[in-house]
Amino acid sequence: MSTHSNARSLKLIDPETASEPIADAFALLPVINVFRAMANAETLYPHFSNLLLRLFQPLELDKALERMIVLRVASQSGCFYAWRQNVVVAHSVGVKDEQIAALEKGDVKADCFTEAEQVAFTFTDEVMQLIEATDETYDAARKHFSDRALTEILYVIGTYMLIVRVIRTGRVPLDDEPAASPQ
């Protein structure tokens, strides 16, 4: 297993020689290249892996919608790595092929999505592009989601915006195959 893809990519930490805190963190999630790259920050990755693992546990936010939001972040960020990996996870929580195909085309208003899902995608897009949702979108989201669920959506968006930036800026190479879902 190579620890470098090229001179411009972040080093991929080898699970066999990782420090104890990183090895413990690697035990929580699949050891895929993005996490191996993120593990360069030994001061942060063990804590981040706990947060990420928590996102795979039950939230108030519906698991299928959560994963569709992740796919939207990956798509809007032009991050094939995150898209491919999270299609696997999306399937594991019941996201339908029709929904994945619509998200891949950018058709967030497709009939296969509920009104609440469509609002969540608009909310996601605005948070990513504008930093904050417009009043109109925020009010629409409040009709469908509690403060807790809206905050969970923000955690999901922010977490995956970080991940796609590490992948793209760190030039993290694709894994040979996407990992199975950790849930």
N, C-alpha and C. Protein backbone atom coordinates (compact mmCIF):
# COMPACT_ATOMS: atom_id res chain seq x y z
N MET A 1 0.86 -1.18 0.00
CA MET A 1 0.00 0.00 0.00
C MET A 1 0.89 1.23 0.00
N SER A 2 0.76 2.03 -1.00
CA SER A 2 1.59 3.22 -1.13
C SER A 2 1.18 4.29 -0.12
N THR A 3 2.16 5.00 0.40
CA THR A 3 1.86 6.09 1.32
C THR A 3 1.89 7.43 0.62
N HIS A 4 2.24 7.45 -0.67
CA HIS A 4 2.25 8.69 -1.45
C HIS A 4 1.63 8.41 -2.81
N SER A 5 0.81 9.32 -3.31
CA SER A 5 0.30 9.16 -4.66
C SER A 5 1.16 9.97 -5.62
N ASN A 6 1.55 11.13 -5.20
CA ASN A 6 2.51 11.95 -5.95
C ASN A 6 3.04 13.02 -5.01
N ALA A 7 4.00 13.78 -5.50
CA ALA A 7 4.65 14.77 -4.64
C ALA A 7 3.71 15.86 -4.16
N ARG A 8 2.60 16.07 -4.84
CA ARG A 8 1.68 17.14 -4.44
C ARG A 8 0.57 16.67 -3.51
N SER A 9 0.44 15.39 -3.31
CA SER A 9 -0.66 14.92 -2.46
C SER A 9 -0.21 14.81 -1.00
N LEU A 10 -1.21 14.91 -0.12
CA LEU A 10 -0.91 14.69 1.29
C LEU A 10 -0.43 13.25 1.47
N LYS A 11 0.48 13.07 2.40
CA LYS A 11 0.96 11.72 2.73
C LYS A 11 -0.23 10.92 3.27
N LEU A 12 -0.28 9.66 2.92
CA LEU A 12 -1.30 8.76 3.45
C LEU A 12 -0.66 7.98 4.60
N ILE A 13 -1.18 8.18 5.79
CA ILE A 13 -0.61 7.53 6.97
C ILE A 13 -0.82 6.02 6.87
N ASP A 14 0.24 5.28 7.08
CA ASP A 14 0.19 3.82 7.01
C ASP A 14 -0.41 3.28 8.31
N PRO A 15 -1.51 2.54 8.21
CA PRO A 15 -2.14 2.01 9.43
C PRO A 15 -1.21 1.08 10.22
N GLU A 16 -0.26 0.45 9.53
CA GLU A 16 0.66 -0.48 10.20
C GLU A 16 1.67 0.23 11.08
N THR A 17 1.99 1.48 10.77
CA THR A 17 3.02 2.21 11.52
C THR A 17 2.47 3.45 12.22
N ALA A 18 1.15 3.59 12.23
CA ALA A 18 0.51 4.77 12.82
C ALA A 18 0.72 4.81 14.33
N SER A 19 0.76 6.02 14.87
CA SER A 19 0.84 6.19 16.32
C SER A 19 -0.40 5.58 16.97
N GLU A 20 -0.35 5.38 18.26
CA GLU A 20 -1.47 4.75 18.96
C GLU A 20 -2.78 5.56 18.83
N PRO A 21 -2.75 6.90 19.01
CA PRO A 21 -4.00 7.63 18.85
C PRO A 21 -4.60 7.50 17.44
N ILE A 22 -3.75 7.48 16.43
CA ILE A 22 -4.23 7.35 15.05
C ILE A 22 -4.70 5.91 14.81
N ALA A 23 -3.98 4.94 15.28
CA ALA A 23 -4.39 3.54 15.13
C ALA A 23 -5.76 3.31 15.79
N ASP A 24 -5.95 3.90 16.97
CA ASP A 24 -7.25 3.79 17.64
C ASP A 24 -8.34 4.45 16.82
N ALA A 25 -8.04 5.59 16.21
CA ALA A 25 -9.01 6.28 15.37
C ALA A 25 -9.31 5.46 14.11
N PHE A 26 -8.28 4.87 13.53
CA PHE A 26 -8.48 4.03 12.34
C PHE A 26 -9.39 2.85 12.63
N ALA A 27 -9.42 2.40 13.88
CA ALA A 27 -10.27 1.25 14.24
C ALA A 27 -11.76 1.61 14.20
N LEU A 28 -12.09 2.91 14.19
CA LEU A 28 -13.49 3.34 14.24
C LEU A 28 -14.18 3.35 12.88
N LEU A 29 -13.43 3.61 11.83
CA LEU A 29 -13.99 3.82 10.50
C LEU A 29 -13.17 3.02 9.49
N PRO A 30 -13.72 2.81 8.30
CA PRO A 30 -12.90 2.14 7.28
C PRO A 30 -11.62 2.95 7.03
N VAL A 31 -10.52 2.25 6.85
CA VAL A 31 -9.25 2.93 6.61
C VAL A 31 -9.13 3.19 5.11
N ILE A 32 -9.73 4.30 4.69
CA ILE A 32 -9.69 4.70 3.29
C ILE A 32 -8.74 5.88 3.15
N ASN A 33 -8.37 6.17 1.93
CA ASN A 33 -7.33 7.17 1.70
C ASN A 33 -7.63 8.54 2.30
N VAL A 34 -8.87 8.98 2.23
CA VAL A 34 -9.17 10.30 2.79
C VAL A 34 -8.89 10.33 4.29
N PHE A 35 -9.23 9.28 4.99
CA PHE A 35 -8.99 9.26 6.43
C PHE A 35 -7.49 9.10 6.71
N ARG A 36 -6.80 8.37 5.86
CA ARG A 36 -5.34 8.25 6.01
C ARG A 36 -4.68 9.61 5.80
N ALA A 37 -5.21 10.41 4.89
CA ALA A 37 -4.68 11.76 4.67
C ALA A 37 -5.02 12.67 5.85
N MET A 38 -6.25 12.58 6.32
CA MET A 38 -6.67 13.43 7.44
C MET A 38 -5.89 13.11 8.71
N ALA A 39 -5.41 11.87 8.80
CA ALA A 39 -4.66 11.44 9.99
C ALA A 39 -3.30 12.12 10.11
N ASN A 40 -2.88 12.87 9.09
CA ASN A 40 -1.66 13.67 9.24
C ASN A 40 -1.79 14.64 10.41
N ALA A 41 -3.00 15.07 10.69
CA ALA A 41 -3.25 15.96 11.82
C ALA A 41 -3.54 15.10 13.06
N GLU A 42 -2.47 14.54 13.60
CA GLU A 42 -2.61 13.65 14.75
C GLU A 42 -3.30 14.33 15.93
N THR A 43 -3.15 15.64 16.00
CA THR A 43 -3.79 16.41 17.07
C THR A 43 -5.30 16.48 16.92
N LEU A 44 -5.81 16.32 15.70
CA LEU A 44 -7.24 16.50 15.43
C LEU A 44 -7.96 15.25 14.97
N TYR A 45 -7.31 14.42 14.17
CA TYR A 45 -8.02 13.30 13.55
C TYR A 45 -8.69 12.35 14.55
N PRO A 46 -8.06 12.00 15.67
CA PRO A 46 -8.77 11.10 16.60
C PRO A 46 -10.12 11.67 17.05
N HIS A 47 -10.18 12.97 17.26
CA HIS A 47 -11.44 13.61 17.68
C HIS A 47 -12.41 13.70 16.51
N PHE A 48 -11.88 14.03 15.34
CA PHE A 48 -12.71 14.12 14.15
C PHE A 48 -13.33 12.76 13.81
N SER A 49 -12.56 11.69 13.95
CA SER A 49 -13.10 10.36 13.64
C SER A 49 -14.26 10.02 14.57
N ASN A 50 -14.20 10.47 15.80
CA ASN A 50 -15.33 10.26 16.72
C ASN A 50 -16.57 11.03 16.27
N LEU A 51 -16.37 12.28 15.82
CA LEU A 51 -17.49 13.06 15.28
C LEU A 51 -18.07 12.37 14.06
N LEU A 52 -17.22 11.95 13.15
CA LEU A 52 -17.69 11.31 11.93
C LEU A 52 -18.44 10.02 12.25
N LEU A 53 -17.90 9.23 13.15
CA LEU A 53 -18.59 8.00 13.56
C LEU A 53 -19.97 8.33 14.12
N ARG A 54 -20.07 9.40 14.87
CA ARG A 54 -21.35 9.81 15.46
C ARG A 54 -22.36 10.15 14.36
N LEU A 55 -21.90 10.68 13.24
CA LEU A 55 -22.82 10.98 12.14
C LEU A 55 -23.41 9.72 11.51
N PHE A 56 -22.80 8.57 11.78
CA PHE A 56 -23.36 7.31 11.28
C PHE A 56 -24.32 6.67 12.29
N GLN A 57 -24.47 7.27 13.45
CA GLN A 57 -25.41 6.79 14.46
C GLN A 57 -26.75 7.49 14.26
N PRO A 58 -27.81 6.98 14.87
CA PRO A 58 -29.12 7.64 14.68
C PRO A 58 -29.10 9.11 15.14
N LEU A 59 -29.65 9.94 14.29
CA LEU A 59 -29.86 11.35 14.56
C LEU A 59 -31.35 11.60 14.45
N GLU A 60 -31.78 12.80 14.78
CA GLU A 60 -33.17 13.14 14.48
C GLU A 60 -33.36 13.19 12.97
N LEU A 61 -32.36 13.68 12.28
CA LEU A 61 -32.39 13.75 10.82
C LEU A 61 -32.45 12.34 10.24
N ASP A 62 -33.33 12.14 9.29
CA ASP A 62 -33.48 10.86 8.62
C ASP A 62 -32.15 10.45 7.97
N LYS A 63 -31.74 9.19 8.15
CA LYS A 63 -30.45 8.71 7.64
C LYS A 63 -30.37 8.82 6.12
N ALA A 64 -31.45 8.51 5.42
CA ALA A 64 -31.41 8.59 3.95
C ALA A 64 -31.24 10.04 3.51
N LEU A 65 -31.96 10.96 4.14
CA LEU A 65 -31.82 12.37 3.79
C LEU A 65 -30.42 12.87 4.13
N GLU A 66 -29.91 12.47 5.27
CA GLU A 66 -28.55 12.86 5.65
C GLU A 66 -27.57 12.46 4.55
N ARG A 67 -27.68 11.23 4.08
CA ARG A 67 -26.73 10.76 3.07
C ARG A 67 -26.96 11.44 1.73
N MET A 68 -28.20 11.78 1.42
CA MET A 68 -28.45 12.53 0.18
C MET A 68 -27.85 13.93 0.27
N ILE A 69 -27.86 14.52 1.47
CA ILE A 69 -27.22 15.82 1.67
C ILE A 69 -25.71 15.68 1.44
N VAL A 70 -25.13 14.60 1.94
CA VAL A 70 -23.70 14.35 1.71
C VAL A 70 -23.42 14.24 0.21
N LEU A 71 -24.28 13.52 -0.50
CA LEU A 71 -24.10 13.40 -1.95
C LEU A 71 -24.22 14.76 -2.63
N ARG A 72 -25.13 15.59 -2.14
CA ARG A 72 -25.29 16.93 -2.72
C ARG A 72 -24.01 17.76 -2.48
N VAL A 73 -23.46 17.67 -1.29
CA VAL A 73 -22.21 18.39 -1.00
C VAL A 73 -21.10 17.88 -1.92
N ALA A 74 -21.00 16.57 -2.08
CA ALA A 74 -19.96 16.00 -2.95
C ALA A 74 -20.16 16.47 -4.38
N SER A 75 -21.39 16.43 -4.86
CA SER A 75 -21.69 16.84 -6.23
C SER A 75 -21.39 18.32 -6.44
N GLN A 76 -21.89 19.16 -5.54
CA GLN A 76 -21.68 20.60 -5.67
C GLN A 76 -20.21 20.98 -5.52
N SER A 77 -19.44 20.11 -4.89
CA SER A 77 -18.01 20.37 -4.70
C SER A 77 -17.16 19.73 -5.79
N GLY A 78 -17.80 19.05 -6.73
CA GLY A 78 -17.05 18.40 -7.80
C GLY A 78 -16.09 17.35 -7.28
N CYS A 79 -16.53 16.58 -6.28
CA CYS A 79 -15.64 15.62 -5.62
C CYS A 79 -16.11 14.19 -5.89
N PHE A 80 -15.57 13.60 -6.95
CA PHE A 80 -15.94 12.24 -7.32
C PHE A 80 -15.62 11.25 -6.20
N TYR A 81 -14.49 11.42 -5.54
CA TYR A 81 -14.11 10.51 -4.45
C TYR A 81 -15.24 10.44 -3.42
N ALA A 82 -15.67 11.58 -2.91
CA ALA A 82 -16.72 11.61 -1.89
C ALA A 82 -18.04 11.10 -2.46
N TRP A 83 -18.33 11.41 -3.71
CA TRP A 83 -19.56 10.93 -4.34
C TRP A 83 -19.56 9.41 -4.37
N ARG A 84 -18.51 8.82 -4.95
CA ARG A 84 -18.46 7.36 -5.12
C ARG A 84 -18.55 6.65 -3.78
N GLN A 85 -17.80 7.12 -2.79
CA GLN A 85 -17.82 6.48 -1.47
C GLN A 85 -19.19 6.59 -0.83
N ASN A 86 -19.84 7.71 -0.96
CA ASN A 86 -21.11 7.90 -0.26
C ASN A 86 -22.31 7.34 -1.00
N VAL A 87 -22.17 6.98 -2.26
CA VAL A 87 -23.23 6.21 -2.93
C VAL A 87 -23.37 4.86 -2.22
N VAL A 88 -22.25 4.25 -1.86
CA VAL A 88 -22.27 2.98 -1.13
C VAL A 88 -23.02 3.15 0.19
N VAL A 89 -22.69 4.20 0.92
CA VAL A 89 -23.34 4.45 2.21
C VAL A 89 -24.82 4.77 2.00
N ALA A 90 -25.14 5.55 0.97
CA ALA A 90 -26.53 5.90 0.68
C ALA A 90 -27.36 4.65 0.42
N HIS A 91 -26.83 3.74 -0.36
CA HIS A 91 -27.56 2.48 -0.61
C HIS A 91 -27.83 1.74 0.70
N SER A 92 -26.88 1.78 1.62
CA SER A 92 -27.02 1.03 2.88
C SER A 92 -28.11 1.59 3.78
N VAL A 93 -28.52 2.85 3.56
CA VAL A 93 -29.56 3.45 4.39
C VAL A 93 -30.87 3.65 3.61
N GLY A 94 -30.97 3.01 2.46
CA GLY A 94 -32.24 2.99 1.74
C GLY A 94 -32.45 4.07 0.70
N VAL A 95 -31.41 4.83 0.34
CA VAL A 95 -31.57 5.79 -0.75
C VAL A 95 -31.73 5.00 -2.04
N LYS A 96 -32.73 5.35 -2.81
CA LYS A 96 -33.06 4.61 -4.02
C LYS A 96 -32.16 5.03 -5.19
N ASP A 97 -31.96 4.10 -6.12
CA ASP A 97 -31.17 4.37 -7.31
C ASP A 97 -31.71 5.58 -8.07
N GLU A 98 -33.03 5.71 -8.12
CA GLU A 98 -33.67 6.84 -8.81
C GLU A 98 -33.26 8.17 -8.16
N GLN A 99 -33.17 8.18 -6.83
CA GLN A 99 -32.77 9.39 -6.12
C GLN A 99 -31.29 9.70 -6.36
N ILE A 100 -30.47 8.68 -6.35
CA ILE A 100 -29.04 8.88 -6.62
C ILE A 100 -28.85 9.41 -8.04
N ALA A 101 -29.57 8.83 -9.00
CA ALA A 101 -29.46 9.29 -10.39
C ALA A 101 -29.90 10.75 -10.52
N ALA A 102 -30.99 11.12 -9.84
CA ALA A 102 -31.47 12.51 -9.90
C ALA A 102 -30.44 13.45 -9.28
N LEU A 103 -29.84 13.06 -8.15
CA LEU A 103 -28.81 13.89 -7.52
C LEU A 103 -27.59 14.00 -8.43
N GLU A 104 -27.24 12.92 -9.08
CA GLU A 104 -26.07 12.95 -9.97
C GLU A 104 -26.29 13.92 -11.13
N LYS A 105 -27.53 14.00 -11.61
CA LYS A 105 -27.88 14.94 -12.69
C LYS A 105 -28.09 16.36 -12.16
N GLY A 106 -28.17 16.51 -10.83
CA GLY A 106 -28.43 17.82 -10.26
C GLY A 106 -29.91 18.17 -10.23
N ASP A 107 -30.77 17.19 -10.44
CA ASP A 107 -32.22 17.40 -10.48
C ASP A 107 -32.81 17.25 -9.07
N VAL A 108 -32.60 18.27 -8.24
CA VAL A 108 -33.06 18.20 -6.85
C VAL A 108 -34.56 18.47 -6.70
N LYS A 109 -35.22 18.76 -7.81
CA LYS A 109 -36.67 18.96 -7.78
C LYS A 109 -37.41 17.76 -8.38
N ALA A 110 -36.71 16.65 -8.60
CA ALA A 110 -37.30 15.45 -9.20
C ALA A 110 -38.45 14.94 -8.34
N ASP A 111 -39.39 14.29 -8.99
CA ASP A 111 -40.57 13.75 -8.30
C ASP A 111 -40.23 12.69 -7.26
N CYS A 112 -39.04 12.11 -7.34
CA CYS A 112 -38.66 11.07 -6.38
C CYS A 112 -38.30 11.65 -5.01
N PHE A 113 -38.24 12.97 -4.91
CA PHE A 113 -37.92 13.63 -3.65
C PHE A 113 -39.17 14.24 -3.05
N THR A 114 -39.28 14.15 -1.72
CA THR A 114 -40.38 14.80 -1.02
C THR A 114 -40.12 16.30 -0.99
N GLU A 115 -41.14 17.04 -0.61
CA GLU A 115 -40.98 18.49 -0.46
C GLU A 115 -39.90 18.81 0.57
N ALA A 116 -39.90 18.07 1.67
CA ALA A 116 -38.90 18.30 2.72
C ALA A 116 -37.49 18.05 2.18
N GLU A 117 -37.30 17.00 1.40
CA GLU A 117 -35.99 16.72 0.82
C GLU A 117 -35.57 17.82 -0.14
N GLN A 118 -36.49 18.29 -0.96
CA GLN A 118 -36.19 19.37 -1.89
C GLN A 118 -35.77 20.64 -1.14
N VAL A 119 -36.48 20.94 -0.06
CA VAL A 119 -36.12 22.10 0.76
C VAL A 119 -34.73 21.90 1.37
N ALA A 120 -34.45 20.69 1.83
CA ALA A 120 -33.13 20.41 2.42
C ALA A 120 -32.01 20.61 1.39
N PHE A 121 -32.26 20.25 0.14
CA PHE A 121 -31.23 20.44 -0.90
C PHE A 121 -31.02 21.92 -1.18
N THR A 122 -32.10 22.68 -1.23
CA THR A 122 -31.97 24.13 -1.45
C THR A 122 -31.22 24.76 -0.27
N PHE A 123 -31.56 24.34 0.94
CA PHE A 123 -30.89 24.81 2.14
C PHE A 123 -29.40 24.49 2.06
N THR A 124 -29.07 23.26 1.68
CA THR A 124 -27.68 22.84 1.54
C THR A 124 -26.94 23.70 0.53
N ASP A 125 -27.55 23.90 -0.63
CA ASP A 125 -26.91 24.70 -1.68
C ASP A 125 -26.63 26.12 -1.20
N GLU A 126 -27.60 26.71 -0.53
CA GLU A 126 -27.41 28.09 -0.07
C GLU A 126 -26.36 28.18 1.02
N VAL A 127 -26.35 27.23 1.93
CA VAL A 127 -25.33 27.23 2.98
C VAL A 127 -23.94 27.10 2.36
N MET A 128 -23.83 26.25 1.35
CA MET A 128 -22.52 26.07 0.69
C MET A 128 -22.12 27.31 -0.11
N GLN A 129 -23.05 27.88 -0.84
CA GLN A 129 -22.72 28.97 -1.77
C GLN A 129 -22.77 30.35 -1.13
N LEU A 130 -23.72 30.55 -0.24
CA LEU A 130 -23.95 31.88 0.33
C LEU A 130 -23.49 32.00 1.78
N ILE A 131 -23.08 30.92 2.37
CA ILE A 131 -22.68 30.80 3.77
C ILE A 131 -23.90 30.68 4.68
N GLU A 132 -24.97 31.38 4.35
CA GLU A 132 -26.20 31.25 5.13
C GLU A 132 -27.37 31.14 4.16
N ALA A 133 -28.39 30.43 4.62
CA ALA A 133 -29.59 30.29 3.80
C ALA A 133 -30.34 31.62 3.78
N THR A 134 -31.01 31.88 2.68
CA THR A 134 -31.86 33.07 2.59
C THR A 134 -33.01 32.93 3.58
N ASP A 135 -33.65 34.05 3.90
CA ASP A 135 -34.80 34.00 4.82
C ASP A 135 -35.89 33.09 4.28
N GLU A 136 -36.14 33.16 2.99
CA GLU A 136 -37.19 32.33 2.38
C GLU A 136 -36.88 30.84 2.54
N THR A 137 -35.66 30.46 2.27
CA THR A 137 -35.28 29.05 2.39
C THR A 137 -35.26 28.62 3.85
N TYR A 138 -34.75 29.48 4.72
CA TYR A 138 -34.71 29.15 6.14
C TYR A 138 -36.13 28.93 6.67
N ASP A 139 -37.04 29.81 6.30
CA ASP A 139 -38.43 29.67 6.75
C ASP A 139 -39.05 28.38 6.21
N ALA A 140 -38.75 28.04 4.97
CA ALA A 140 -39.27 26.79 4.39
C ALA A 140 -38.68 25.59 5.13
N ALA A 141 -37.40 25.65 5.46
CA ALA A 141 -36.77 24.55 6.18
C ALA A 141 -37.36 24.39 7.59
N ARG A 142 -37.68 25.51 8.23
CA ARG A 142 -38.26 25.46 9.58
C ARG A 142 -39.63 24.78 9.58
N LYS A 143 -40.32 24.79 8.44
CA LYS A 143 -41.63 24.11 8.34
C LYS A 143 -41.47 22.60 8.37
N HIS A 144 -40.30 22.11 7.98
CA HIS A 144 -40.08 20.67 7.87
C HIS A 144 -39.14 20.09 8.92
N PHE A 145 -38.30 20.94 9.50
CA PHE A 145 -37.25 20.44 10.39
C PHE A 145 -37.21 21.24 11.68
N SER A 146 -37.01 20.51 12.79
CA SER A 146 -36.85 21.15 14.09
C SER A 146 -35.49 21.85 14.14
N ASP A 147 -35.28 22.64 15.18
CA ASP A 147 -33.97 23.28 15.37
C ASP A 147 -32.87 22.22 15.46
N ARG A 148 -33.17 21.12 16.14
CA ARG A 148 -32.17 20.04 16.27
C ARG A 148 -31.82 19.47 14.89
N ALA A 149 -32.83 19.16 14.09
CA ALA A 149 -32.58 18.58 12.77
C ALA A 149 -31.86 19.58 11.86
N LEU A 150 -32.24 20.85 11.92
CA LEU A 150 -31.55 21.87 11.11
C LEU A 150 -30.08 21.97 11.52
N THR A 151 -29.82 21.90 12.80
CA THR A 151 -28.44 21.97 13.27
C THR A 151 -27.68 20.72 12.84
N GLU A 152 -28.33 19.56 12.88
CA GLU A 152 -27.69 18.34 12.38
C GLU A 152 -27.37 18.48 10.89
N ILE A 153 -28.28 19.07 10.12
CA ILE A 153 -28.02 19.30 8.70
C ILE A 153 -26.77 20.17 8.55
N LEU A 154 -26.66 21.21 9.35
CA LEU A 154 -25.48 22.09 9.28
C LEU A 154 -24.20 21.33 9.63
N TYR A 155 -24.26 20.45 10.63
CA TYR A 155 -23.09 19.63 10.96
C TYR A 155 -22.70 18.75 9.77
N VAL A 156 -23.69 18.13 9.14
CA VAL A 156 -23.41 17.25 8.00
C VAL A 156 -22.78 18.06 6.86
N ILE A 157 -23.40 19.19 6.52
CA ILE A 157 -22.86 20.02 5.44
C ILE A 157 -21.42 20.43 5.76
N GLY A 158 -21.20 20.97 6.94
CA GLY A 158 -19.88 21.46 7.31
C GLY A 158 -18.83 20.35 7.36
N THR A 159 -19.20 19.22 7.91
CA THR A 159 -18.27 18.09 8.00
C THR A 159 -17.84 17.63 6.62
N TYR A 160 -18.80 17.49 5.74
CA TYR A 160 -18.46 17.00 4.40
C TYR A 160 -17.83 18.07 3.52
N MET A 161 -18.10 19.34 3.80
CA MET A 161 -17.35 20.39 3.10
C MET A 161 -15.87 20.30 3.48
N LEU A 162 -15.57 20.02 4.74
CA LEU A 162 -14.20 19.82 5.17
C LEU A 162 -13.59 18.61 4.46
N ILE A 163 -14.31 17.50 4.48
CA ILE A 163 -13.79 16.27 3.87
C ILE A 163 -13.49 16.47 2.38
N VAL A 164 -14.40 17.09 1.64
CA VAL A 164 -14.14 17.26 0.20
C VAL A 164 -12.99 18.23 -0.04
N ARG A 165 -12.79 19.17 0.84
CA ARG A 165 -11.66 20.08 0.68
C ARG A 165 -10.33 19.38 0.96
N VAL A 166 -10.32 18.49 1.93
CA VAL A 166 -9.12 17.69 2.17
C VAL A 166 -8.84 16.81 0.95
N ILE A 167 -9.89 16.17 0.43
CA ILE A 167 -9.71 15.30 -0.74
C ILE A 167 -9.17 16.10 -1.93
N ARG A 168 -9.84 17.19 -2.25
CA ARG A 168 -9.47 17.93 -3.46
C ARG A 168 -8.16 18.69 -3.29
N THR A 169 -8.02 19.45 -2.22
CA THR A 169 -6.80 20.23 -2.02
C THR A 169 -5.62 19.32 -1.69
N GLY A 170 -5.88 18.26 -0.93
CA GLY A 170 -4.82 17.31 -0.57
C GLY A 170 -4.52 16.31 -1.66
N ARG A 171 -5.29 16.41 -2.76
CA ARG A 171 -5.09 15.53 -3.92
C ARG A 171 -5.06 14.06 -3.51
N VAL A 172 -6.05 13.69 -2.70
CA VAL A 172 -6.14 12.33 -2.18
C VAL A 172 -6.56 11.38 -3.31
N PRO A 173 -5.78 10.34 -3.54
CA PRO A 173 -6.12 9.41 -4.61
C PRO A 173 -7.32 8.53 -4.24
N LEU A 174 -8.07 8.14 -5.27
CA LEU A 174 -9.18 7.22 -5.06
C LEU A 174 -8.68 5.91 -4.48
N ASP A 175 -9.48 5.32 -3.64
CA ASP A 175 -9.20 3.96 -3.18
C ASP A 175 -9.53 3.02 -4.36
N ASP A 176 -8.95 1.84 -4.35
CA ASP A 176 -9.24 0.89 -5.43
C ASP A 176 -10.74 0.61 -5.52
N GLU A 177 -11.37 0.49 -4.38
CA GLU A 177 -12.83 0.25 -4.29
C GLU A 177 -13.36 1.08 -3.14
N PRO A 178 -14.62 1.55 -3.24
CA PRO A 178 -15.20 2.24 -2.08
C PRO A 178 -15.36 1.25 -0.92
N ALA A 179 -15.24 1.77 0.27
CA ALA A 179 -15.40 0.93 1.47
C ALA A 179 -16.87 0.69 1.76
N ALA A 180 -17.13 -0.39 2.48
CA ALA A 180 -18.49 -0.65 2.94
C ALA A 180 -18.87 0.41 3.97
N SER A 181 -20.17 0.62 4.13
CA SER A 181 -20.66 1.58 5.11
C SER A 181 -20.28 1.15 6.52
N PRO A 182 -19.85 2.08 7.37
CA PRO A 182 -19.50 1.72 8.74
C PRO A 182 -20.70 1.48 9.65
N GLN A 183 -21.92 1.65 9.12
CA GLN A 183 -23.08 1.45 10.00
C GLN A 183 -23.61 0.05 9.94
